[in-house]
């Protein structure tokens, strides 16, 4: 966990194109476990638990698409990413 309150993995070479894998609402980042080994050979792979799922904090606000987008942007800023493939 970090100051963002989001649990994430940052795998692969940081010089490669970042790919951020976002899970569905009722799952967590572990759904991407089978894909990670192949992807990290060619990309920087980031997976994370969206707010309220997995090991990420629940928060105290109503969940909105804007909140999830803001969380993603905050994670990208934290990881110093200007762009990524989602």
C-alpha atoms as a PDB file:
ATOM      1  CA  UNK A   1       0.000   0.000   0.000  1.00  0.00           C
ATOM      2  CA  UNK A   2       1.157   3.559  -0.640  1.00  0.00           C
ATOM      3  CA  UNK A   3      -0.026   7.056   0.255  1.00  0.00           C
ATOM      4  CA  UNK A   4      -2.577   6.816  -2.550  1.00  0.00           C
ATOM      5  CA  UNK A   5      -4.348   4.015  -0.708  1.00  0.00           C
ATOM      6  CA  UNK A   6      -4.074   1.813  -3.807  1.00  0.00           C
ATOM      7  CA  UNK A   7      -2.452  -1.597  -3.802  1.00  0.00           C
ATOM      8  CA  UNK A   8      -0.471  -2.063  -7.022  1.00  0.00           C
ATOM      9  CA  UNK A   9       2.289  -4.022  -8.758  1.00  0.00           C
ATOM     10  CA  UNK A  10       4.804  -2.338 -11.072  1.00  0.00           C
ATOM     11  CA  UNK A  11       6.650  -5.023 -13.027  1.00  0.00           C
ATOM     12  CA  UNK A  12       9.037  -5.164 -15.938  1.00  0.00           C
ATOM     13  CA  UNK A  13      11.528  -2.663 -17.276  1.00  0.00           C
ATOM     14  CA  UNK A  14      10.606   0.952 -16.502  1.00  0.00           C
ATOM     15  CA  UNK A  15      12.110   1.999 -19.857  1.00  0.00           C
ATOM     16  CA  UNK A  16       9.486   0.002 -21.770  1.00  0.00           C
ATOM     17  CA  UNK A  17       6.016   1.158 -22.796  1.00  0.00           C
ATOM     18  CA  UNK A  18       3.733   0.990 -19.738  1.00  0.00           C
ATOM     19  CA  UNK A  19       0.611  -1.143 -19.887  1.00  0.00           C
ATOM     20  CA  UNK A  20      -1.890  -0.687 -17.055  1.00  0.00           C
ATOM     21  CA  UNK A  21      -4.314  -3.550 -16.526  1.00  0.00           C
ATOM     22  CA  UNK A  22      -7.577  -2.567 -14.824  1.00  0.00           C
ATOM     23  CA  UNK A  23      -9.819  -5.283 -13.401  1.00  0.00           C
ATOM     24  CA  UNK A  24     -13.616  -5.405 -13.392  1.00  0.00           C
ATOM     25  CA  UNK A  25     -15.757  -4.182 -10.495  1.00  0.00           C
ATOM     26  CA  UNK A  26     -16.209  -7.492  -8.673  1.00  0.00           C
ATOM     27  CA  UNK A  27     -12.614  -8.720  -9.099  1.00  0.00           C
ATOM     28  CA  UNK A  28      -9.123  -7.611  -8.082  1.00  0.00           C
ATOM     29  CA  UNK A  29      -5.728  -7.344  -9.749  1.00  0.00           C
ATOM     30  CA  UNK A  30      -4.995 -11.047  -9.290  1.00  0.00           C
ATOM     31  CA  UNK A  31      -7.190 -11.723 -12.340  1.00  0.00           C
ATOM     32  CA  UNK A  32      -4.186 -10.589 -14.451  1.00  0.00           C
ATOM     33  CA  UNK A  33      -1.688 -13.032 -12.909  1.00  0.00           C
ATOM     34  CA  UNK A  34      -1.650 -15.407 -15.932  1.00  0.00           C
ATOM     35  CA  UNK A  35      -0.972 -12.569 -18.402  1.00  0.00           C
ATOM     36  CA  UNK A  36       1.819 -10.818 -16.486  1.00  0.00           C
ATOM     37  CA  UNK A  37       4.782 -13.117 -17.318  1.00  0.00           C
ATOM     38  CA  UNK A  38       4.345 -12.749 -21.082  1.00  0.00           C
ATOM     39  CA  UNK A  39       3.481  -9.041 -21.012  1.00  0.00           C
ATOM     40  CA  UNK A  40       6.403  -8.014 -18.815  1.00  0.00           C
ATOM     41  CA  UNK A  41       8.834  -9.428 -21.387  1.00  0.00           C
ATOM     42  CA  UNK A  42       7.809  -6.596 -23.724  1.00  0.00           C
ATOM     43  CA  UNK A  43       6.177  -3.928 -21.531  1.00  0.00           C
ATOM     44  CA  UNK A  44       6.252  -2.275 -18.146  1.00  0.00           C
ATOM     45  CA  UNK A  45       3.166  -3.850 -16.577  1.00  0.00           C
ATOM     46  CA  UNK A  46       1.156  -2.193 -13.832  1.00  0.00           C
ATOM     47  CA  UNK A  47      -1.822  -3.816 -12.155  1.00  0.00           C
ATOM     48  CA  UNK A  48      -3.744  -2.364  -9.244  1.00  0.00           C
ATOM     49  CA  UNK A  49      -6.763  -2.955  -7.068  1.00  0.00           C
ATOM     50  CA  UNK A  50      -9.328  -0.247  -7.735  1.00  0.00           C
ATOM     51  CA  UNK A  51     -10.656   1.548  -4.677  1.00  0.00           C
ATOM     52  CA  UNK A  52     -12.716  -0.747  -2.469  1.00  0.00           C
ATOM     53  CA  UNK A  53     -11.430  -3.980  -4.007  1.00  0.00           C
ATOM     54  CA  UNK A  54      -8.565  -6.315  -3.133  1.00  0.00           C
ATOM     55  CA  UNK A  55      -6.094  -4.645  -0.776  1.00  0.00           C
ATOM     56  CA  UNK A  56      -6.874  -1.044  -1.758  1.00  0.00           C
ATOM     57  CA  UNK A  57      -8.558   1.275   0.711  1.00  0.00           C
ATOM     58  CA  UNK A  58     -12.315   1.629   0.644  1.00  0.00           C
ATOM     59  CA  UNK A  59     -12.376   5.411   1.001  1.00  0.00           C
ATOM     60  CA  UNK A  60     -15.220   7.486   2.360  1.00  0.00           C
ATOM     61  CA  UNK A  61     -16.843   8.857  -0.779  1.00  0.00           C
ATOM     62  CA  UNK A  62     -19.446   7.554  -3.186  1.00  0.00           C
ATOM     63  CA  UNK A  63     -17.827   5.610  -5.999  1.00  0.00           C
ATOM     64  CA  UNK A  64     -18.013   7.437  -9.319  1.00  0.00           C
ATOM     65  CA  UNK A  65     -16.330   7.057 -12.688  1.00  0.00           C
ATOM     66  CA  UNK A  66     -14.582  10.372 -12.043  1.00  0.00           C
ATOM     67  CA  UNK A  67     -13.178   9.062  -8.750  1.00  0.00           C
ATOM     68  CA  UNK A  68     -11.819   5.940 -10.472  1.00  0.00           C
ATOM     69  CA  UNK A  69     -10.318   8.090 -13.263  1.00  0.00           C
ATOM     70  CA  UNK A  70      -8.755  10.412 -10.658  1.00  0.00           C
ATOM     71  CA  UNK A  71      -7.285   7.389  -8.850  1.00  0.00           C
ATOM     72  CA  UNK A  72      -5.773   6.136 -12.114  1.00  0.00           C
ATOM     73  CA  UNK A  73      -4.306   9.569 -12.872  1.00  0.00           C
ATOM     74  CA  UNK A  74      -2.879   9.776  -9.335  1.00  0.00           C
ATOM     75  CA  UNK A  75      -1.291   6.336  -9.731  1.00  0.00           C
ATOM     76  CA  UNK A  76       0.238   7.338 -13.059  1.00  0.00           C
ATOM     77  CA  UNK A  77       1.589  10.544 -11.502  1.00  0.00           C
ATOM     78  CA  UNK A  78       2.975   8.561  -8.554  1.00  0.00           C
ATOM     79  CA  UNK A  79       4.746   6.202 -10.977  1.00  0.00           C
ATOM     80  CA  UNK A  80       5.904   9.165 -13.101  1.00  0.00           C
ATOM     81  CA  UNK A  81       4.062   7.966 -16.219  1.00  0.00           C
ATOM     82  CA  UNK A  82       3.087  10.489 -18.877  1.00  0.00           C
ATOM     83  CA  UNK A  83       1.294   7.908 -20.984  1.00  0.00           C
ATOM     84  CA  UNK A  84       0.250   4.269 -20.881  1.00  0.00           C
ATOM     85  CA  UNK A  85      -1.804   1.688 -22.694  1.00  0.00           C
ATOM     86  CA  UNK A  86      -4.895   0.719 -20.693  1.00  0.00           C
END
